Amino acid sequence: MMAAAKLMKSALRVALVLSSLTLAAPAWSLDLLQVYQLALEQDSTLRAARATADAMREQLPQAQAQLRPNVAFSAGRTHNDLTSTQSQSYFSNNQSLILRQPLYRKPLFAALEQAGHAVDDADAVLERELQNLGVRVAGAYLEALLAQDQATLVQAQKASITIQLDAARKALAAGSGIRTDIDEAQARLDWVLAQELEAAQQVQLSRRQIEVLVNQPVAELAPLDAAKLPLLAPLPAKVQDWIELASNSSPEILALQARLEVARLEVNKAQGAYYPTLDAVVQITRSANENVTTPSSSYNNKSIGLQLNVPLYAGGYTNSVVRQALAGQTRARELLEATRRDLGVRVHREFRGVTEGILRIQAREQALRSVTQLVISSQRSVAAGSRTVLDVLNAQDRQQQALRDLAQARYEYVLSRVRLQALVGGDKLQSIGEVNGWLKSAQ
């Protein structure tokens, strides 16, 4: 009975540690907002997206340049060997300065409007990548916290089983225990040691994912404070309102809408090949020794006028380009519709992740309270002689699972909130800052 009493007291201490486990480190170097701010500067995917956006924005000045005057200068010098009734050898030269101003070119006007929509596409794509970065940072951060929680739980479980194994051995030596309790506790300890190795590897892997985002080593991370975590339903409260909001303001949708406009104007550009073009041309030419009859003569010629070009037949090329552009427009329209439908599904999933996440957290909190009471009751029953160490071990396994499930439910709830805001194009910094406020302050 003395050994059983000691076992109960030791196990009670471990149970209290498990039930009040905050899964936190005493100090840390980074919180979520700091990781996000570092990733804004260091993430290679985002920097590539910024460069792509910069490249796409250059389409606008390029299209504008096509409608401005084009000035060119050309010069040449030629050696001539003229044979008539007498032979002459001389050099001829010419210089030309030409200014051409497009007055009417339908494809160029369409290209200018098209470039504006291409810039809108670039801005929307960059905004989408910024939203994705927030989701990636939050996901990696919460995954690292979950891995740390799991490692802490395994260590606590190892300590609990070690205490019970020691107590079982002492009970057997005192003549009040049984060999089965020792074997069961040893088997559980060996299993937990294997779990401890796996948990440590997961901690390192999850930390590495954050290091890739911020391009620097990561020490400790600020943990989630369950007391600060608000279990609030999304506002607006109807999922259809969120779907409509996403359809109107999602960067993904805005980018595809811009691409649809680009495809529509591509059709206009292709059809513009049917239309005539009109340019104003100013030319100044200076030549010397270019006339074979009077090789020593020189000329200065200045001209200004209009140049009209009327397309008549291009071998079917223009018709083919128009058909190609129409097919591209259809593709862009259908891709937009498919994305809009898929976006509705994703918004619905994350909306339920928040609303059902609240219920899941509450249910798992209740489950943890129940299983913690079961651990305490099992330990008291061991002291009374009506239960065995195996019963306590089973109860503590369920307690560990309940703690892990509760932590995972909290992280999934938080991540669903971040994802939901990202899908509708919400304020990135505000969303990350809100979650950062739910973390524990640095010690």
Protein backbone atom coordinates (compact mmCIF):
# COMPACT_ATOMS: atom_id res chain seq x y z
CA MET A 1 0.00 0.00 0.00
CA MET A 2 2.93 2.36 0.71
CA ALA A 3 4.28 1.83 -2.80
CA ALA A 4 0.84 2.39 -4.27
CA ALA A 5 0.48 5.63 -2.32
CA LYS A 6 3.84 6.85 -3.60
CA LEU A 7 2.83 5.88 -7.12
CA MET A 8 -0.40 7.84 -6.78
CA LYS A 9 1.38 10.96 -5.48
CA SER A 10 4.01 10.87 -8.22
CA ALA A 11 1.46 10.25 -10.93
CA LEU A 12 -0.73 13.04 -9.57
CA ARG A 13 2.15 15.49 -9.92
CA VAL A 14 2.67 14.47 -13.55
CA ALA A 15 -1.06 14.68 -14.23
CA LEU A 16 -1.14 18.21 -12.92
CA VAL A 17 1.77 19.09 -15.18
CA LEU A 18 -0.03 17.60 -18.19
CA SER A 19 -3.38 19.18 -17.40
CA SER A 20 -1.89 22.65 -16.95
CA LEU A 21 0.64 22.27 -19.74
CA THR A 22 1.06 25.52 -21.66
CA LEU A 23 3.40 23.98 -24.22
CA ALA A 24 5.60 27.08 -24.16
CA ALA A 25 9.28 27.90 -24.02
CA PRO A 26 10.47 30.38 -21.34
CA ALA A 27 11.84 32.83 -23.92
CA TRP A 28 11.77 33.28 -27.66
CA SER A 29 13.29 35.43 -30.35
CA LEU A 30 10.53 35.76 -32.95
CA ASP A 31 6.78 36.16 -33.03
CA LEU A 32 4.46 35.74 -36.02
CA LEU A 33 4.51 39.40 -37.05
CA GLN A 34 8.32 39.49 -37.00
CA VAL A 35 8.49 36.33 -39.11
CA TYR A 36 6.04 37.84 -41.60
CA GLN A 37 7.98 41.11 -41.85
CA LEU A 38 11.23 39.23 -42.42
CA ALA A 39 9.58 37.04 -45.05
CA LEU A 40 8.35 40.14 -46.91
CA GLU A 41 11.99 41.00 -47.57
CA GLN A 42 13.62 37.57 -47.71
CA ASP A 43 11.16 35.14 -49.30
CA SER A 44 12.45 34.19 -52.75
CA THR A 45 9.00 33.34 -54.12
CA LEU A 46 7.72 36.81 -53.27
CA ARG A 47 10.81 38.51 -54.68
CA ALA A 48 10.34 36.58 -57.91
CA ALA A 49 6.70 37.73 -57.98
CA ARG A 50 7.80 41.34 -57.50
CA ALA A 51 10.24 41.04 -60.40
CA THR A 52 7.55 39.48 -62.59
CA ALA A 53 5.18 42.34 -61.75
CA ASP A 54 7.86 44.91 -62.59
CA ALA A 55 8.45 43.23 -65.94
CA MET A 56 4.72 43.16 -66.77
CA ARG A 57 4.31 46.84 -65.86
CA GLU A 58 6.78 47.73 -68.61
CA GLN A 59 4.15 46.78 -71.18
CA LEU A 60 2.41 50.11 -70.57
CA PRO A 61 5.31 52.45 -71.47
CA GLN A 62 6.13 50.17 -74.39
CA ALA A 63 2.58 50.48 -75.74
CA GLN A 64 2.62 54.25 -75.20
CA ALA A 65 5.91 54.51 -77.09
CA GLN A 66 4.33 52.87 -80.15
CA LEU A 67 1.94 55.84 -80.50
CA ARG A 68 4.64 58.48 -80.19
CA PRO A 69 6.79 59.85 -83.05
CA ASN A 70 9.53 57.58 -84.29
CA VAL A 71 12.71 59.31 -85.39
CA ALA A 72 15.44 57.52 -87.34
CA PHE A 73 18.65 58.61 -89.01
CA SER A 74 20.44 56.70 -91.74
CA ALA A 75 23.67 57.40 -93.62
CA GLY A 76 25.64 55.65 -96.30
CA ARG A 77 28.78 56.07 -98.38
CA THR A 78 29.37 54.04 -101.56
CA HIS A 79 32.29 53.68 -103.95
CA ASN A 80 31.09 53.81 -107.57
CA ASP A 81 32.95 52.70 -110.70
CA LEU A 82 31.13 54.20 -113.69
CA THR A 83 32.01 53.10 -117.24
CA SER A 84 30.51 54.90 -120.23
CA THR A 85 32.44 56.45 -123.07
CA GLN A 86 34.89 57.19 -120.33
CA SER A 87 35.55 55.66 -117.00
CA GLN A 88 34.96 57.51 -113.74
CA SER A 89 35.53 56.47 -110.20
CA TYR A 90 33.87 58.43 -107.38
CA PHE A 91 32.23 58.15 -103.99
CA SER A 92 28.56 58.85 -103.33
CA ASN A 93 26.97 59.45 -99.94
CA ASN A 94 23.57 60.14 -98.42
CA GLN A 95 22.04 60.99 -95.07
CA SER A 96 18.35 60.78 -94.16
CA LEU A 97 16.44 61.94 -91.11
CA ILE A 98 12.90 60.52 -90.93
CA LEU A 99 10.15 61.28 -88.42
CA ARG A 100 7.07 59.05 -88.50
CA GLN A 101 3.99 59.77 -86.38
CA PRO A 102 1.24 57.12 -86.35
CA LEU A 103 -2.15 58.76 -86.84
CA TYR A 104 -4.40 55.74 -87.14
CA ARG A 105 -3.31 52.20 -86.30
CA LYS A 106 -6.10 50.21 -84.70
CA PRO A 107 -3.82 47.47 -83.28
CA LEU A 108 -1.70 50.09 -81.48
CA PHE A 109 -4.70 51.67 -79.76
CA ALA A 110 -5.89 48.22 -78.67
CA ALA A 111 -2.39 47.38 -77.44
CA LEU A 112 -2.33 50.54 -75.29
CA GLU A 113 -5.60 49.62 -73.58
CA GLN A 114 -4.41 46.03 -73.31
CA ALA A 115 -1.24 47.14 -71.54
CA GLY A 116 -3.30 48.92 -68.89
CA HIS A 117 -5.13 45.69 -68.10
CA ALA A 118 -1.81 43.82 -68.11
CA VAL A 119 -0.60 46.17 -65.37
CA ASP A 120 -3.81 45.45 -63.43
CA ASP A 121 -3.06 41.75 -63.84
CA ALA A 122 0.49 42.25 -62.54
CA ASP A 123 -0.73 44.17 -59.50
CA ALA A 124 -3.37 41.54 -58.71
CA VAL A 125 -0.91 38.67 -59.08
CA LEU A 126 1.53 40.40 -56.74
CA GLU A 127 -1.26 41.00 -54.24
CA ARG A 128 -2.20 37.32 -54.47
CA GLU A 129 1.39 36.33 -53.72
CA LEU A 130 1.43 38.70 -50.75
CA GLN A 131 -1.76 37.06 -49.45
CA ASN A 132 -0.25 33.62 -50.05
CA LEU A 133 2.86 34.65 -48.15
CA GLY A 134 0.73 35.49 -45.12
CA VAL A 135 -0.92 32.07 -45.31
CA ARG A 136 2.42 30.31 -45.81
CA VAL A 137 4.03 32.14 -42.91
CA ALA A 138 1.07 31.49 -40.60
CA GLY A 139 0.89 27.84 -41.66
CA ALA A 140 4.62 27.26 -41.11
CA TYR A 141 4.56 29.10 -37.78
CA LEU A 142 1.57 27.18 -36.43
CA GLU A 143 3.00 23.90 -37.68
CA ALA A 144 6.19 24.66 -35.76
CA LEU A 145 4.18 25.40 -32.61
CA LEU A 146 2.26 22.13 -32.99
CA ALA A 147 5.51 20.22 -33.42
CA GLN A 148 6.89 21.84 -30.27
CA ASP A 149 3.68 21.02 -28.40
CA GLN A 150 3.96 17.40 -29.46
CA ALA A 151 7.60 17.23 -28.33
CA THR A 152 6.69 18.74 -24.94
CA LEU A 153 3.81 16.32 -24.47
CA VAL A 154 6.02 13.35 -25.30
CA GLN A 155 8.63 14.51 -22.80
CA ALA A 156 5.96 14.88 -20.12
CA GLN A 157 4.61 11.45 -20.93
CA LYS A 158 8.11 9.99 -20.74
CA ALA A 159 8.58 11.54 -17.31
CA SER A 160 5.24 10.15 -16.14
CA ILE A 161 5.94 6.62 -17.39
CA THR A 162 9.45 6.71 -15.91
CA ILE A 163 7.98 7.55 -12.51
CA GLN A 164 5.41 4.76 -12.80
CA LEU A 165 8.05 2.28 -13.94
CA ASP A 166 10.22 3.13 -10.95
CA ALA A 167 7.24 2.84 -8.61
CA ALA A 168 6.23 -0.51 -10.11
CA ARG A 169 9.73 -1.87 -9.60
CA LYS A 170 9.74 -0.70 -5.98
CA ALA A 171 6.30 -2.20 -5.43
CA LEU A 172 7.45 -5.55 -6.80
CA ALA A 173 10.56 -5.45 -4.62
CA ALA A 174 8.36 -4.72 -1.59
CA GLY A 175 6.12 -7.67 -2.47
CA SER A 176 3.01 -5.65 -3.22
CA GLY A 177 3.40 -5.28 -7.00
CA ILE A 178 3.22 -7.56 -10.01
CA ARG A 179 5.65 -8.16 -12.86
CA THR A 180 3.03 -7.28 -15.46
CA ASP A 181 2.98 -3.65 -14.31
CA ILE A 182 6.75 -3.41 -14.86
CA ASP A 183 6.57 -4.98 -18.32
CA GLU A 184 3.67 -2.76 -19.37
CA ALA A 185 5.37 0.42 -18.15
CA GLN A 186 8.66 -0.57 -19.86
CA ALA A 187 6.88 -1.26 -23.14
CA ARG A 188 5.13 2.13 -22.97
CA LEU A 189 8.42 3.84 -22.17
CA ASP A 190 10.17 2.27 -25.16
CA TRP A 191 7.31 3.34 -27.41
CA VAL A 192 7.44 6.92 -26.06
CA LEU A 193 11.21 7.07 -26.60
CA ALA A 194 10.63 6.29 -30.28
CA GLN A 195 7.95 9.00 -30.37
CA GLU A 196 10.37 11.44 -28.75
CA LEU A 197 12.86 10.99 -31.59
CA GLU A 198 10.16 11.48 -34.20
CA ALA A 199 8.86 14.59 -32.42
CA ALA A 200 12.36 16.11 -32.25
CA GLN A 201 12.81 15.55 -35.98
CA GLN A 202 9.47 17.22 -36.69
CA VAL A 203 10.49 20.23 -34.59
CA GLN A 204 13.67 20.62 -36.63
CA LEU A 205 11.83 20.23 -39.93
CA SER A 206 9.16 22.78 -39.05
CA ARG A 207 11.81 25.25 -37.87
CA ARG A 208 13.66 24.75 -41.14
CA GLN A 209 10.54 25.69 -43.09
CA ILE A 210 10.43 29.03 -41.28
CA GLU A 211 14.17 29.56 -41.80
CA VAL A 212 13.66 29.18 -45.55
CA LEU A 213 11.02 31.91 -45.44
CA VAL A 214 13.10 34.40 -43.42
CA ASN A 215 16.56 33.35 -44.63
CA GLN A 216 18.05 33.27 -41.14
CA PRO A 217 18.30 30.85 -38.21
CA VAL A 218 15.27 30.62 -35.95
CA ALA A 219 15.58 29.97 -32.22
CA GLU A 220 12.39 30.00 -30.16
CA LEU A 221 8.93 31.08 -31.30
CA ALA A 222 6.29 32.88 -29.27
CA PRO A 223 3.60 30.28 -28.41
CA LEU A 224 -0.14 30.63 -28.66
CA ASP A 225 -1.87 31.90 -25.52
CA ALA A 226 -5.13 29.95 -25.22
CA ALA A 227 -6.50 32.54 -22.80
CA LYS A 228 -6.19 35.26 -25.46
CA LEU A 229 -7.68 33.19 -28.28
CA PRO A 230 -11.19 34.47 -29.07
CA LEU A 231 -13.67 31.93 -30.37
CA LEU A 232 -15.56 34.28 -32.65
CA ALA A 233 -17.73 33.41 -35.64
CA PRO A 234 -16.85 35.12 -38.95
CA LEU A 235 -18.45 38.46 -39.79
CA PRO A 236 -20.50 38.63 -41.95
CA ALA A 237 -22.18 35.57 -40.54
CA LYS A 238 -23.43 34.08 -43.85
CA VAL A 239 -21.09 32.10 -46.06
CA GLN A 240 -22.78 33.46 -49.20
CA ASP A 241 -21.72 36.97 -48.20
CA TRP A 242 -18.13 35.81 -47.99
CA ILE A 243 -18.36 34.11 -51.38
CA GLU A 244 -19.72 37.29 -52.93
CA LEU A 245 -17.00 39.32 -51.25
CA ALA A 246 -14.35 36.97 -52.64
CA SER A 247 -15.86 37.19 -56.14
CA ASN A 248 -15.56 40.97 -56.04
CA SER A 249 -12.24 41.51 -54.29
CA SER A 250 -10.16 38.32 -54.41
CA PRO A 251 -6.77 39.07 -56.05
CA GLU A 252 -7.05 35.77 -57.89
CA ILE A 253 -10.36 36.82 -59.49
CA LEU A 254 -9.13 40.34 -60.22
CA ALA A 255 -6.09 38.94 -62.03
CA LEU A 256 -8.22 36.64 -64.18
CA GLN A 257 -10.67 39.44 -64.97
CA ALA A 258 -7.75 41.54 -66.17
CA ARG A 259 -6.53 38.63 -68.30
CA LEU A 260 -9.98 38.28 -69.84
CA GLU A 261 -9.82 41.95 -70.85
CA VAL A 262 -6.36 41.39 -72.28
CA ALA A 263 -7.70 38.45 -74.30
CA ARG A 264 -10.66 40.52 -75.54
CA LEU A 265 -8.34 43.28 -76.70
CA GLU A 266 -6.08 40.71 -78.33
CA VAL A 267 -9.04 39.97 -80.60
CA ASN A 268 -9.31 43.68 -81.39
CA LYS A 269 -5.59 43.79 -82.18
CA ALA A 270 -5.89 40.82 -84.51
CA GLN A 271 -8.93 42.29 -86.28
CA GLY A 272 -7.07 45.59 -86.59
CA ALA A 273 -4.92 43.98 -89.28
CA TYR A 274 -7.95 44.32 -91.61
CA TYR A 275 -7.92 48.11 -91.22
CA PRO A 276 -5.73 50.58 -93.09
CA THR A 277 -2.99 52.52 -91.33
CA LEU A 278 -2.21 56.21 -91.67
CA ASP A 279 1.06 57.87 -90.68
CA ALA A 280 2.44 61.39 -90.94
CA VAL A 281 5.97 61.35 -92.35
CA VAL A 282 8.57 64.12 -92.28
CA GLN A 283 11.85 63.41 -94.09
CA ILE A 284 15.04 65.35 -94.70
CA THR A 285 17.51 63.80 -97.15
CA ARG A 286 20.92 65.00 -98.20
CA SER A 287 22.83 63.23 -101.00
CA ALA A 288 25.97 63.81 -103.02
CA ASN A 289 27.31 62.21 -106.22
CA GLU A 290 24.32 59.87 -106.57
CA ASN A 291 23.40 60.85 -110.14
CA VAL A 292 25.31 58.88 -112.77
CA THR A 293 24.69 61.57 -115.37
CA THR A 294 26.05 64.32 -113.15
CA PRO A 295 28.14 62.51 -110.60
CA SER A 296 29.39 65.67 -109.00
CA SER A 297 25.93 66.94 -108.12
CA SER A 298 24.45 67.11 -104.60
CA TYR A 299 20.86 67.45 -103.33
CA ASN A 300 18.97 68.52 -100.22
CA ASN A 301 15.39 67.25 -100.12
CA LYS A 302 12.75 68.05 -97.48
CA SER A 303 9.34 66.39 -97.55
CA ILE A 304 6.25 66.16 -95.37
CA GLY A 305 3.15 64.13 -96.06
CA LEU A 306 0.78 61.31 -95.18
CA GLN A 307 1.36 57.65 -95.83
CA LEU A 308 -1.61 55.33 -96.20
CA ASN A 309 -1.28 51.57 -96.14
CA VAL A 310 -4.28 49.43 -97.11
CA PRO A 311 -4.01 45.66 -96.48
CA LEU A 312 -5.46 43.62 -99.33
CA TYR A 313 -4.41 40.02 -98.93
CA ALA A 314 -2.11 38.26 -96.43
CA GLY A 315 -2.56 34.65 -97.47
CA GLY A 316 -5.08 33.90 -94.73
CA TYR A 317 -2.65 34.85 -91.94
CA THR A 318 -4.90 37.54 -90.44
CA ASN A 319 -7.93 35.23 -90.40
CA SER A 320 -5.92 32.60 -88.54
CA VAL A 321 -4.64 35.11 -85.97
CA VAL A 322 -8.20 36.31 -85.32
CA ARG A 323 -9.44 32.76 -84.76
CA GLN A 324 -6.52 32.14 -82.42
CA ALA A 325 -7.33 35.27 -80.43
CA LEU A 326 -11.01 34.31 -80.16
CA ALA A 327 -10.04 30.90 -78.82
CA GLY A 328 -7.76 32.60 -76.26
CA GLN A 329 -10.65 34.82 -75.18
CA THR A 330 -12.91 31.81 -74.69
CA ARG A 331 -10.21 30.09 -72.67
CA ALA A 332 -9.76 33.14 -70.42
CA ARG A 333 -13.52 33.44 -69.86
CA GLU A 334 -13.92 29.77 -68.92
CA LEU A 335 -10.86 29.85 -66.69
CA LEU A 336 -12.33 32.82 -64.83
CA GLU A 337 -15.63 31.03 -64.35
CA ALA A 338 -13.92 27.82 -63.19
CA THR A 339 -11.79 29.75 -60.70
CA ARG A 340 -14.81 31.65 -59.39
CA ARG A 341 -16.61 28.37 -58.71
CA ASP A 342 -13.54 26.81 -57.09
CA LEU A 343 -13.03 29.93 -55.01
CA GLY A 344 -16.57 29.56 -53.69
CA VAL A 345 -15.74 26.04 -52.56
CA ARG A 346 -12.54 27.17 -50.84
CA VAL A 347 -14.27 30.06 -49.10
CA HIS A 348 -17.01 27.68 -47.93
CA ARG A 349 -14.39 25.26 -46.58
CA GLU A 350 -12.49 27.93 -44.63
CA PHE A 351 -15.73 29.48 -43.37
CA ARG A 352 -16.71 26.11 -41.95
CA GLY A 353 -13.17 25.72 -40.64
CA VAL A 354 -13.81 28.77 -38.47
CA THR A 355 -17.40 28.08 -37.43
CA GLU A 356 -16.94 24.37 -36.86
CA GLY A 357 -13.49 25.00 -35.41
CA ILE A 358 -15.12 26.85 -32.52
CA LEU A 359 -17.33 23.86 -31.76
CA ARG A 360 -14.40 21.50 -32.18
CA ILE A 361 -12.27 23.44 -29.69
CA GLN A 362 -15.09 23.54 -27.15
CA ALA A 363 -15.72 19.82 -27.54
CA ARG A 364 -12.05 18.97 -27.13
CA GLU A 365 -11.73 21.21 -24.09
CA GLN A 366 -14.56 19.25 -22.50
CA ALA A 367 -12.95 15.98 -23.56
CA LEU A 368 -9.68 17.08 -21.93
CA ARG A 369 -11.47 17.90 -18.68
CA SER A 370 -13.14 14.51 -18.68
CA VAL A 371 -10.04 12.51 -19.44
CA THR A 372 -8.01 14.47 -16.86
CA GLN A 373 -10.59 13.48 -14.27
CA LEU A 374 -10.29 9.90 -15.50
CA VAL A 375 -6.51 10.01 -14.90
CA ILE A 376 -7.03 11.27 -11.35
CA SER A 377 -9.72 8.65 -10.67
CA SER A 378 -7.54 5.86 -12.08
CA GLN A 379 -4.62 6.91 -9.88
CA ARG A 380 -6.82 6.93 -6.79
CA SER A 381 -8.17 3.52 -7.75
CA VAL A 382 -4.61 2.21 -7.97
CA ALA A 383 -4.03 3.41 -4.42
CA ALA A 384 -7.24 1.68 -3.36
CA GLY A 385 -6.17 -1.52 -5.10
CA SER A 386 -9.07 -1.65 -7.57
CA ARG A 387 -7.06 -0.54 -10.63
CA THR A 388 -3.64 -1.36 -12.07
CA VAL A 389 -0.83 0.70 -13.55
CA LEU A 390 -2.10 -0.33 -16.97
CA ASP A 391 -5.33 1.55 -16.34
CA VAL A 392 -3.41 4.69 -15.40
CA LEU A 393 -1.18 4.40 -18.48
CA ASN A 394 -4.20 4.03 -20.75
CA ALA A 395 -5.87 7.04 -19.16
CA GLN A 396 -2.73 9.15 -19.57
CA ASP A 397 -2.43 8.09 -23.21
CA ARG A 398 -5.94 9.39 -23.76
CA GLN A 399 -5.04 12.57 -21.90
CA GLN A 400 -2.04 13.15 -24.14
CA GLN A 401 -4.15 12.55 -27.22
CA ALA A 402 -6.76 15.00 -25.92
CA LEU A 403 -4.08 17.66 -25.35
CA ARG A 404 -2.67 17.12 -28.83
CA ASP A 405 -6.11 17.21 -30.43
CA LEU A 406 -6.99 20.42 -28.58
CA ALA A 407 -3.78 22.12 -29.68
CA GLN A 408 -4.31 21.02 -33.26
CA ALA A 409 -7.91 22.24 -33.23
CA ARG A 410 -6.80 25.67 -32.02
CA TYR A 411 -4.15 25.96 -34.72
CA GLU A 412 -6.54 24.82 -37.44
CA TYR A 413 -9.08 27.40 -36.27
CA VAL A 414 -6.50 30.20 -36.38
CA LEU A 415 -5.21 29.14 -39.79
CA SER A 416 -8.74 28.96 -41.20
CA ARG A 417 -9.29 32.57 -40.13
CA VAL A 418 -6.09 33.64 -41.90
CA ARG A 419 -6.98 31.70 -45.05
CA LEU A 420 -10.51 33.08 -45.13
CA GLN A 421 -9.23 36.66 -45.00
CA ALA A 422 -6.66 35.90 -47.71
CA LEU A 423 -9.27 34.42 -50.05
CA VAL A 424 -11.35 37.61 -49.96
CA GLY A 425 -8.34 39.90 -50.28
CA GLY A 426 -8.44 41.17 -46.70
CA ASP A 427 -5.84 43.37 -45.05
CA LYS A 428 -2.76 41.15 -44.75
CA LEU A 429 -0.99 43.06 -42.02
CA GLN A 430 -4.16 43.36 -39.97
CA SER A 431 -4.84 39.63 -40.25
CA ILE A 432 -1.31 38.68 -39.20
CA GLY A 433 -1.31 41.32 -36.48
CA GLU A 434 -4.57 39.98 -35.09
CA VAL A 435 -3.13 36.47 -34.77
CA ASN A 436 0.09 37.89 -33.34
CA GLY A 437 -1.98 39.44 -30.56
CA TRP A 438 -3.06 35.95 -29.52
CA LEU A 439 0.52 34.90 -28.81
CA LYS A 440 2.26 35.12 -25.48
CA SER A 441 4.33 38.22 -24.89
CA ALA A 442 8.10 37.84 -24.66
CA GLN A 443 9.43 37.12 -21.18
